[in-house]
Full PDB file with SEQRES, HELIX, SHEET, SSBOND, CRYST1, ORIGX, SCALE, CONECT and MASTER records, all heavy atoms in Angstrom:
SEQRES   1 A   31  ASN ARG THR LEU SER ASN LEU ILE GLU THR ALA LEU LYS          
SEQRES   2 A   31  ARG TYR LEU GLU ARG GLY SER LEU ARG SER LYS ASP GLY          
SEQRES   3 A   31  GLY ALA ASP ASN PRO                                          
HELIX    1 AA1 LEU A    4  ASP A   25  1                                  22    
CRYST1    1.000    1.000    1.000  90.00  90.00  90.00 P 1           1          
ORIGX1      1.000000  0.000000  0.000000        0.00000                         
ORIGX2      0.000000  1.000000  0.000000        0.00000                         
ORIGX3      0.000000  0.000000  1.000000        0.00000                         
SCALE1      1.000000  0.000000  0.000000        0.00000                         
SCALE2      0.000000  1.000000  0.000000        0.00000                         
SCALE3      0.000000  0.000000  1.000000        0.00000                         
ATOM      1  N   ASN A   1       0.800  -1.217  -0.018  1.00  0.00           N  
ATOM      2  CA  ASN A   1      -0.018  -0.003  -0.003  1.00  0.00           C  
ATOM      3  C   ASN A   1       0.795   1.243   0.000  1.00  0.00           C  
ATOM      4  O   ASN A   1       0.680   2.174   0.788  1.00  0.00           O  
ATOM      5  CB  ASN A   1      -0.971  -0.013   1.219  1.00  0.00           C  
ATOM      6  CG  ASN A   1      -2.065   1.041   1.048  1.00  0.00           C  
ATOM      7  OD1 ASN A   1      -2.475   1.320  -0.062  1.00  0.00           O  
ATOM      8  ND2 ASN A   1      -2.445   1.610   2.130  1.00  0.00           N  
ATOM      9  N   ARG A   2       1.854   1.316  -0.889  1.00  0.00           N  
ATOM     10  CA  ARG A   2       2.706   2.472  -1.039  1.00  0.00           C  
ATOM     11  C   ARG A   2       2.901   2.764  -2.551  1.00  0.00           C  
ATOM     12  O   ARG A   2       2.621   1.862  -3.395  1.00  0.00           O  
ATOM     13  CB  ARG A   2       3.975   2.294  -0.321  1.00  0.00           C  
ATOM     14  CG  ARG A   2       4.859   1.104  -0.844  1.00  0.00           C  
ATOM     15  CD  ARG A   2       6.261   1.110  -0.316  1.00  0.00           C  
ATOM     16  NE  ARG A   2       6.311   0.616   0.999  1.00  0.00           N  
ATOM     17  CZ  ARG A   2       7.341   0.843   1.825  1.00  0.00           C  
ATOM     18  NH1 ARG A   2       8.362   1.551   1.436  1.00  0.00           N  
ATOM     19  NH2 ARG A   2       7.378   0.379   3.059  1.00  0.00           N  
ATOM     20  N   THR A   3       3.454   3.872  -2.863  1.00  0.00           N  
ATOM     21  CA  THR A   3       3.702   4.215  -4.246  1.00  0.00           C  
ATOM     22  C   THR A   3       4.988   3.465  -4.688  1.00  0.00           C  
ATOM     23  O   THR A   3       5.817   3.085  -3.871  1.00  0.00           O  
ATOM     24  CB  THR A   3       3.883   5.701  -4.475  1.00  0.00           C  
ATOM     25  OG1 THR A   3       5.090   6.090  -3.776  1.00  0.00           O  
ATOM     26  CG2 THR A   3       2.717   6.503  -4.023  1.00  0.00           C  
ATOM     27  N   LEU A   4       5.059   3.279  -6.024  1.00  0.00           N  
ATOM     28  CA  LEU A   4       6.305   2.739  -6.563  1.00  0.00           C  
ATOM     29  C   LEU A   4       7.519   3.514  -6.228  1.00  0.00           C  
ATOM     30  O   LEU A   4       8.582   2.996  -5.831  1.00  0.00           O  
ATOM     31  CB  LEU A   4       6.128   2.590  -8.097  1.00  0.00           C  
ATOM     32  CG  LEU A   4       7.332   2.039  -8.838  1.00  0.00           C  
ATOM     33  CD1 LEU A   4       7.629   0.605  -8.381  1.00  0.00           C  
ATOM     34  CD2 LEU A   4       7.029   2.028 -10.342  1.00  0.00           C  
ATOM     35  N   SER A   5       7.384   4.832  -6.269  1.00  0.00           N  
ATOM     36  CA  SER A   5       8.497   5.705  -5.922  1.00  0.00           C  
ATOM     37  C   SER A   5       8.908   5.545  -4.465  1.00  0.00           C  
ATOM     38  O   SER A   5      10.123   5.441  -4.205  1.00  0.00           O  
ATOM     39  CB  SER A   5       8.092   7.162  -6.135  1.00  0.00           C  
ATOM     40  OG  SER A   5       7.945   7.498  -7.477  1.00  0.00           O  
ATOM     41  N   ASN A   6       7.955   5.465  -3.582  1.00  0.00           N  
ATOM     42  CA  ASN A   6       8.301   5.230  -2.182  1.00  0.00           C  
ATOM     43  C   ASN A   6       8.956   3.921  -1.928  1.00  0.00           C  
ATOM     44  O   ASN A   6       9.961   3.807  -1.144  1.00  0.00           O  
ATOM     45  CB  ASN A   6       7.039   5.405  -1.338  1.00  0.00           C  
ATOM     46  CG  ASN A   6       7.328   5.242   0.133  1.00  0.00           C  
ATOM     47  OD1 ASN A   6       7.167   4.148   0.702  1.00  0.00           O  
ATOM     48  ND2 ASN A   6       7.786   6.260   0.760  1.00  0.00           N  
ATOM     49  N   LEU A   7       8.487   2.851  -2.592  1.00  0.00           N  
ATOM     50  CA  LEU A   7       9.128   1.579  -2.468  1.00  0.00           C  
ATOM     51  C   LEU A   7      10.565   1.593  -2.859  1.00  0.00           C  
ATOM     52  O   LEU A   7      11.465   1.100  -2.174  1.00  0.00           O  
ATOM     53  CB  LEU A   7       8.326   0.515  -3.283  1.00  0.00           C  
ATOM     54  CG  LEU A   7       8.912  -0.889  -3.240  1.00  0.00           C  
ATOM     55  CD1 LEU A   7       8.486  -1.613  -2.030  1.00  0.00           C  
ATOM     56  CD2 LEU A   7       8.478  -1.646  -4.510  1.00  0.00           C  
ATOM     57  N   ILE A   8      10.791   2.177  -4.043  1.00  0.00           N  
ATOM     58  CA  ILE A   8      12.185   2.230  -4.565  1.00  0.00           C  
ATOM     59  C   ILE A   8      13.069   3.065  -3.697  1.00  0.00           C  
ATOM     60  O   ILE A   8      14.205   2.774  -3.423  1.00  0.00           O  
ATOM     61  CB  ILE A   8      12.159   2.706  -6.072  1.00  0.00           C  
ATOM     62  CG1 ILE A   8      11.448   1.622  -6.928  1.00  0.00           C  
ATOM     63  CG2 ILE A   8      13.549   2.996  -6.547  1.00  0.00           C  
ATOM     64  CD1 ILE A   8      11.207   2.057  -8.305  1.00  0.00           C  
ATOM     65  N   GLU A   9      12.566   4.260  -3.280  1.00  0.00           N  
ATOM     66  CA  GLU A   9      13.343   5.121  -2.361  1.00  0.00           C  
ATOM     67  C   GLU A   9      13.699   4.434  -1.113  1.00  0.00           C  
ATOM     68  O   GLU A   9      14.858   4.482  -0.616  1.00  0.00           O  
ATOM     69  CB  GLU A   9      12.570   6.434  -2.096  1.00  0.00           C  
ATOM     70  CG  GLU A   9      13.380   7.405  -1.285  1.00  0.00           C  
ATOM     71  CD  GLU A   9      12.599   8.699  -1.013  1.00  0.00           C  
ATOM     72  OE1 GLU A   9      11.438   8.813  -1.386  1.00  0.00           O  
ATOM     73  OE2 GLU A   9      13.266   9.612  -0.472  1.00  0.00           O  
ATOM     74  N   THR A  10      12.766   3.764  -0.512  1.00  0.00           N  
ATOM     75  CA  THR A  10      13.054   3.022   0.708  1.00  0.00           C  
ATOM     76  C   THR A  10      14.101   1.900   0.502  1.00  0.00           C  
ATOM     77  O   THR A  10      14.964   1.704   1.292  1.00  0.00           O  
ATOM     78  CB  THR A  10      11.724   2.406   1.263  1.00  0.00           C  
ATOM     79  OG1 THR A  10      10.792   3.530   1.465  1.00  0.00           O  
ATOM     80  CG2 THR A  10      11.947   1.629   2.593  1.00  0.00           C  
ATOM     81  N   ALA A  11      13.907   1.161  -0.578  1.00  0.00           N  
ATOM     82  CA  ALA A  11      14.916   0.124  -0.941  1.00  0.00           C  
ATOM     83  C   ALA A  11      16.306   0.623  -1.126  1.00  0.00           C  
ATOM     84  O   ALA A  11      17.277   0.087  -0.616  1.00  0.00           O  
ATOM     85  CB  ALA A  11      14.436  -0.660  -2.133  1.00  0.00           C  
ATOM     86  N   LEU A  12      16.400   1.807  -1.743  1.00  0.00           N  
ATOM     87  CA  LEU A  12      17.763   2.375  -1.992  1.00  0.00           C  
ATOM     88  C   LEU A  12      18.344   2.803  -0.681  1.00  0.00           C  
ATOM     89  O   LEU A  12      19.584   2.676  -0.414  1.00  0.00           O  
ATOM     90  CB  LEU A  12      17.577   3.563  -2.965  1.00  0.00           C  
ATOM     91  CG  LEU A  12      17.376   3.191  -4.431  1.00  0.00           C  
ATOM     92  CD1 LEU A  12      17.060   4.409  -5.215  1.00  0.00           C  
ATOM     93  CD2 LEU A  12      18.559   2.423  -5.000  1.00  0.00           C  
ATOM     94  N   LYS A  13      17.571   3.467   0.243  1.00  0.00           N  
ATOM     95  CA  LYS A  13      18.036   3.905   1.531  1.00  0.00           C  
ATOM     96  C   LYS A  13      18.544   2.721   2.322  1.00  0.00           C  
ATOM     97  O   LYS A  13      19.618   2.750   2.897  1.00  0.00           O  
ATOM     98  CB  LYS A  13      16.949   4.652   2.267  1.00  0.00           C  
ATOM     99  CG  LYS A  13      16.669   6.017   1.767  1.00  0.00           C  
ATOM    100  CD  LYS A  13      15.553   6.700   2.570  1.00  0.00           C  
ATOM    101  CE  LYS A  13      15.282   8.036   2.073  1.00  0.00           C  
ATOM    102  NZ  LYS A  13      14.108   8.692   2.823  1.00  0.00           N  
ATOM    103  N   ARG A  14      17.774   1.606   2.337  1.00  0.00           N  
ATOM    104  CA  ARG A  14      18.212   0.428   3.040  1.00  0.00           C  
ATOM    105  C   ARG A  14      19.472  -0.166   2.475  1.00  0.00           C  
ATOM    106  O   ARG A  14      20.347  -0.629   3.191  1.00  0.00           O  
ATOM    107  CB  ARG A  14      17.116  -0.615   3.046  1.00  0.00           C  
ATOM    108  CG  ARG A  14      15.887  -0.246   3.930  1.00  0.00           C  
ATOM    109  CD  ARG A  14      14.821  -1.272   3.923  1.00  0.00           C  
ATOM    110  NE  ARG A  14      13.695  -0.820   4.729  1.00  0.00           N  
ATOM    111  CZ  ARG A  14      12.478  -1.341   4.661  1.00  0.00           C  
ATOM    112  NH1 ARG A  14      12.191  -2.338   3.916  1.00  0.00           N  
ATOM    113  NH2 ARG A  14      11.509  -0.871   5.385  1.00  0.00           N  
ATOM    114  N   TYR A  15      19.583  -0.175   1.164  1.00  0.00           N  
ATOM    115  CA  TYR A  15      20.810  -0.686   0.520  1.00  0.00           C  
ATOM    116  C   TYR A  15      22.013   0.151   0.919  1.00  0.00           C  
ATOM    117  O   TYR A  15      23.038  -0.441   1.287  1.00  0.00           O  
ATOM    118  CB  TYR A  15      20.545  -0.640  -1.006  1.00  0.00           C  
ATOM    119  CG  TYR A  15      21.842  -0.949  -1.842  1.00  0.00           C  
ATOM    120  CD1 TYR A  15      22.218  -2.215  -1.960  1.00  0.00           C  
ATOM    121  CD2 TYR A  15      22.633   0.121  -2.286  1.00  0.00           C  
ATOM    122  CE1 TYR A  15      23.388  -2.513  -2.659  1.00  0.00           C  
ATOM    123  CE2 TYR A  15      23.764  -0.157  -2.990  1.00  0.00           C  
ATOM    124  CZ  TYR A  15      24.162  -1.475  -3.187  1.00  0.00           C  
ATOM    125  OH  TYR A  15      25.350  -1.731  -3.922  1.00  0.00           O  
ATOM    126  N   LEU A  16      21.842   1.408   0.937  1.00  0.00           N  
ATOM    127  CA  LEU A  16      22.981   2.306   1.368  1.00  0.00           C  
ATOM    128  C   LEU A  16      23.332   2.141   2.810  1.00  0.00           C  
ATOM    129  O   LEU A  16      24.490   2.108   3.217  1.00  0.00           O  
ATOM    130  CB  LEU A  16      22.659   3.745   1.067  1.00  0.00           C  
ATOM    131  CG  LEU A  16      22.578   4.074  -0.439  1.00  0.00           C  
ATOM    132  CD1 LEU A  16      22.093   5.505  -0.613  1.00  0.00           C  
ATOM    133  CD2 LEU A  16      23.999   3.910  -1.098  1.00  0.00           C  
ATOM    134  N   GLU A  17      22.321   1.957   3.654  1.00  0.00           N  
ATOM    135  CA  GLU A  17      22.591   1.749   5.104  1.00  0.00           C  
ATOM    136  C   GLU A  17      23.349   0.410   5.279  1.00  0.00           C  
ATOM    137  O   GLU A  17      24.260   0.407   6.093  1.00  0.00           O  
ATOM    138  CB  GLU A  17      21.249   1.714   5.892  1.00  0.00           C  
ATOM    139  CG  GLU A  17      20.609   3.058   6.042  1.00  0.00           C  
ATOM    140  CD  GLU A  17      19.175   2.986   6.543  1.00  0.00           C  
ATOM    141  OE1 GLU A  17      18.662   1.887   6.835  1.00  0.00           O  
ATOM    142  OE2 GLU A  17      18.581   4.072   6.712  1.00  0.00           O  
ATOM    143  N   ARG A  18      22.909  -0.600   4.632  1.00  0.00           N  
ATOM    144  CA  ARG A  18      23.628  -1.892   4.726  1.00  0.00           C  
ATOM    145  C   ARG A  18      24.993  -1.840   4.186  1.00  0.00           C  
ATOM    146  O   ARG A  18      25.939  -2.393   4.732  1.00  0.00           O  
ATOM    147  CB  ARG A  18      22.821  -2.972   3.995  1.00  0.00           C  
ATOM    148  CG  ARG A  18      21.516  -3.324   4.727  1.00  0.00           C  
ATOM    149  CD  ARG A  18      20.707  -4.296   3.969  1.00  0.00           C  
ATOM    150  NE  ARG A  18      21.380  -5.565   3.904  1.00  0.00           N  
ATOM    151  CZ  ARG A  18      21.095  -6.545   3.062  1.00  0.00           C  
ATOM    152  NH1 ARG A  18      20.202  -6.358   2.113  1.00  0.00           N  
ATOM    153  NH2 ARG A  18      21.733  -7.687   3.063  1.00  0.00           N  
ATOM    154  N   GLY A  19      25.208  -1.078   3.111  1.00  0.00           N  
ATOM    155  CA  GLY A  19      26.541  -0.890   2.577  1.00  0.00           C  
ATOM    156  C   GLY A  19      27.474  -0.186   3.529  1.00  0.00           C  
ATOM    157  O   GLY A  19      28.628  -0.512   3.688  1.00  0.00           O  
ATOM    158  N   SER A  20      26.915   0.819   4.215  1.00  0.00           N  
ATOM    159  CA  SER A  20      27.677   1.580   5.223  1.00  0.00           C  
ATOM    160  C   SER A  20      28.102   0.622   6.361  1.00  0.00           C  
ATOM    161  O   SER A  20      29.260   0.724   6.896  1.00  0.00           O  
ATOM    162  CB  SER A  20      26.866   2.748   5.735  1.00  0.00           C  
ATOM    163  OG  SER A  20      26.633   3.724   4.729  1.00  0.00           O  
ATOM    164  N   LEU A  21      27.220  -0.227   6.779  1.00  0.00           N  
ATOM    165  CA  LEU A  21      27.537  -1.089   7.874  1.00  0.00           C  
ATOM    166  C   LEU A  21      28.582  -2.110   7.447  1.00  0.00           C  
ATOM    167  O   LEU A  21      29.518  -2.439   8.178  1.00  0.00           O  
ATOM    168  CB  LEU A  21      26.262  -1.920   8.311  1.00  0.00           C  
ATOM    169  CG  LEU A  21      25.173  -1.037   8.977  1.00  0.00           C  
ATOM    170  CD1 LEU A  21      23.945  -1.964   9.219  1.00  0.00           C  
ATOM    171  CD2 LEU A  21      25.706  -0.511  10.275  1.00  0.00           C  
ATOM    172  N   ARG A  22      28.487  -2.573   6.187  1.00  0.00           N  
ATOM    173  CA  ARG A  22      29.535  -3.538   5.740  1.00  0.00           C  
ATOM    174  C   ARG A  22      30.927  -2.908   5.660  1.00  0.00           C  
ATOM    175  O   ARG A  22      31.860  -3.537   6.109  1.00  0.00           O  
ATOM    176  CB  ARG A  22      29.133  -4.039   4.307  1.00  0.00           C  
ATOM    177  CG  ARG A  22      28.490  -5.425   4.324  1.00  0.00           C  
ATOM    178  CD  ARG A  22      28.244  -5.937   2.967  1.00  0.00           C  
ATOM    179  NE  ARG A  22      26.887  -5.747   2.688  1.00  0.00           N  
ATOM    180  CZ  ARG A  22      26.379  -5.373   1.577  1.00  0.00           C  
ATOM    181  NH1 ARG A  22      27.145  -5.090   0.613  1.00  0.00           N  
ATOM    182  NH2 ARG A  22      25.072  -5.208   1.439  1.00  0.00           N  
ATOM    183  N   SER A  23      30.991  -1.676   5.160  1.00  0.00           N  
ATOM    184  CA  SER A  23      32.283  -1.050   5.062  1.00  0.00           C  
ATOM    185  C   SER A  23      32.870  -0.720   6.423  1.00  0.00           C  
ATOM    186  O   SER A  23      34.066  -0.817   6.640  1.00  0.00           O  
ATOM    187  CB  SER A  23      32.226   0.174   4.216  1.00  0.00           C  
ATOM    188  OG  SER A  23      31.350   1.143   4.718  1.00  0.00           O  
ATOM    189  N   LYS A  24      32.043  -0.521   7.426  1.00  0.00           N  
ATOM    190  CA  LYS A  24      32.535  -0.227   8.731  1.00  0.00           C  
ATOM    191  C   LYS A  24      33.029  -1.496   9.383  1.00  0.00           C  
ATOM    192  O   LYS A  24      34.009  -1.494  10.159  1.00  0.00           O  
ATOM    193  CB  LYS A  24      31.418   0.309   9.654  1.00  0.00           C  
ATOM    194  CG  LYS A  24      31.108   1.792   9.354  1.00  0.00           C  
ATOM    195  CD  LYS A  24      30.024   2.257  10.270  1.00  0.00           C  
ATOM    196  CE  LYS A  24      29.630   3.686   9.875  1.00  0.00           C  
ATOM    197  NZ  LYS A  24      28.503   4.217  10.677  1.00  0.00           N  
ATOM    198  N   ASP A  25      32.357  -2.715   9.041  1.00  0.00           N  
ATOM    199  CA  ASP A  25      32.851  -3.939   9.606  1.00  0.00           C  
ATOM    200  C   ASP A  25      34.048  -4.486   8.865  1.00  0.00           C  
ATOM    201  O   ASP A  25      34.691  -5.402   9.324  1.00  0.00           O  
ATOM    202  CB  ASP A  25      31.715  -5.019   9.458  1.00  0.00           C  
ATOM    203  CG  ASP A  25      30.582  -4.690  10.385  1.00  0.00           C  
ATOM    204  OD1 ASP A  25      30.721  -3.924  11.292  1.00  0.00           O  
ATOM    205  OD2 ASP A  25      29.444  -5.265  10.128  1.00  0.00           O  
ATOM    206  N   GLY A  26      34.314  -3.873   7.724  1.00  0.00           N  
ATOM    207  CA  GLY A  26      35.537  -4.263   6.992  1.00  0.00           C  
ATOM    208  C   GLY A  26      35.392  -5.505   6.157  1.00  0.00           C  
ATOM    209  O   GLY A  26      36.311  -6.032   5.603  1.00  0.00           O  
ATOM    210  N   GLY A  27      34.066  -5.954   6.043  1.00  0.00           N  
ATOM    211  CA  GLY A  27      33.853  -7.204   5.231  1.00  0.00           C  
ATOM    212  C   GLY A  27      32.887  -7.018   4.134  1.00  0.00           C  
ATOM    213  O   GLY A  27      31.726  -6.753   4.464  1.00  0.00           O  
ATOM    214  N   ALA A  28      33.302  -7.151   2.937  1.00  0.00           N  
ATOM    215  CA  ALA A  28      32.425  -7.006   1.793  1.00  0.00           C  
ATOM    216  C   ALA A  28      31.573  -8.286   1.610  1.00  0.00           C  
ATOM    217  O   ALA A  28      30.632  -8.327   0.918  1.00  0.00           O  
ATOM    218  CB  ALA A  28      33.188  -6.708   0.531  1.00  0.00           C  
ATOM    219  N   ASP A  29      31.962  -9.386   2.323  1.00  0.00           N  
ATOM    220  CA  ASP A  29      31.239 -10.609   2.211  1.00  0.00           C  
ATOM    221  C   ASP A  29      30.069 -10.700   3.128  1.00  0.00           C  
ATOM    222  O   ASP A  29      29.360 -11.712   3.118  1.00  0.00           O  
ATOM    223  CB  ASP A  29      32.163 -11.800   2.408  1.00  0.00           C  
ATOM    224  CG  ASP A  29      32.936 -11.728   3.719  1.00  0.00           C  
ATOM    225  OD1 ASP A  29      33.012 -10.656   4.301  1.00  0.00           O  
ATOM    226  OD2 ASP A  29      33.345 -12.837   4.203  1.00  0.00           O  
ATOM    227  N   ASN A  30      29.815  -9.695   3.961  1.00  0.00           N  
ATOM    228  CA  ASN A  30      28.673  -9.762   4.857  1.00  0.00           C  
ATOM    229  C   ASN A  30      27.412  -9.335   4.062  1.00  0.00           C  
ATOM    230  O   ASN A  30      27.377  -8.269   3.495  1.00  0.00           O  
ATOM    231  CB  ASN A  30      28.793  -8.736   5.988  1.00  0.00           C  
ATOM    232  CG  ASN A  30      29.924  -9.087   6.958  1.00  0.00           C  
ATOM    233  OD1 ASN A  30      30.328 -10.271   7.027  1.00  0.00           O  
ATOM    234  ND2 ASN A  30      30.420  -8.152   7.683  1.00  0.00           N  
ATOM    235  N   PRO A  31      26.393 -10.247   4.028  1.00  0.00           N  
ATOM    236  CA  PRO A  31      25.161  -9.926   3.243  1.00  0.00           C  
ATOM    237  C   PRO A  31      24.375  -8.819   3.868  1.00  0.00           C  
ATOM    238  O   PRO A  31      24.387  -8.540   4.984  1.00  0.00           O  
ATOM    239  CB  PRO A  31      24.424 -11.192   3.154  1.00  0.00           C  
ATOM    240  CG  PRO A  31      25.046 -12.126   4.150  1.00  0.00           C  
ATOM    241  CD  PRO A  31      26.379 -11.536   4.518  1.00  0.00           C  
TER     242      PRO A  31                                                      
MASTER        0    0    0    1    0    0    0    6  241    1    0    3          
END                                                                             
């Protein structure tokens, strides 16, 4: 029950947050 734009924006934000966590942990192999 959300717009396509909101779904994609939220997914991109989560992707970037997870990427930031991975680079802080020093492991690119962490999913």
